Amino acid sequence: MIVPAPSVCFSIDVERDYRLDGQLTARGVTEGLPPFVDLLRDQRIPFDVMVSAEIIPHISRRSLASVDDLITLGCHGNSHSPGYLNKLSFDAQETDIRTATELIRRTYNRAPVSFRAPNFSADGRTIRILKSLGYRADSSVLPGRRVKRWRIFPMIDHRGTPESPYFTDESHFPMPGPPALLEIPVAPNRVLPGGPLGLGFLNSFGPGAFRKAMDLNTSPYIVILAHSWEMVSWRDSDPVAPWVRTASKSDTGSLRGLVESLADSRFVSTEAILANM
């Protein structure tokens, strides 16, 4: 029996640069994102943008306007402080998400469809808030991911979660539950357990290794995660971790090679996934 090729969704977290000194800069947004978007536009590939509201002033309106018909607009929270959304109280979470949602809606004249918490840190309260604000999907689950604070206190545990899209609710998240909201997991990287199948891996190992890792997944939808700061080449003097420098590249050649290798796949955005559920 011939197994159909999975559908592929490029999902971009448009956010502040990942720096060791904590300063808010946006090289990834101003320098890296436009060529990446241009490549997807030229290939007519639909994709998701998950916008962190604090970075909106740095995003080129003209760049995203040129691909308005290809984009599913999403929200990546208001900021990356304190880093884990599930550390906040319900009221603080609601304020963060509501503020970001309104900023995105006013900026782009449409409401965001989906949400991804910084560091995959959503919890059941997040799902309740998203439902109340009219969101149709969440993409905060990375199957297999587990994070402990100080290696003791559980922060995130996505072990055993489905890899294919599924419905969940406030009481059952991150596991399946009644259909309150559609959860669209980020594709896990089986070569690097606990990490996403993403642009950083593509930049580090190339299209061939990426495709082999991708083919280990069984979901009909492969959500490939990209961060705007992975789209620039960092200098030795820049205050970034060594792994960030390795995972980041301004050259779009690897992405172009991956797209060419995916000729047997259908490219989709979250809107298409929602339409098929």
Foldseek 3Di string as FASTA:
>chain_A
DDDAAFAEAEEEEQAAAAFPVPDGDHCLQQPFPLVVLVVCVVVVFAYEYAYQQVCVVRHDPVSCVSCVVRYQYHHAWNHCVVVALVVDDLVVSLVGRVVRQVSVCVVPVHGHQEYEYGVLRDALSNQVSCLVVPHAEYASAAEQAWDADVVPHTRDDRHPADQEKAAPHSVAPPHHDPRSHIYHYAYAQPVDGNDGLEQLCCQQPFQVVSVVRVVVDDYSYHYYYHYSLQQDADDPPGRHDPSSNNSHHVDCVRVVVNVVVCPSHHRDYVVVVSVVD
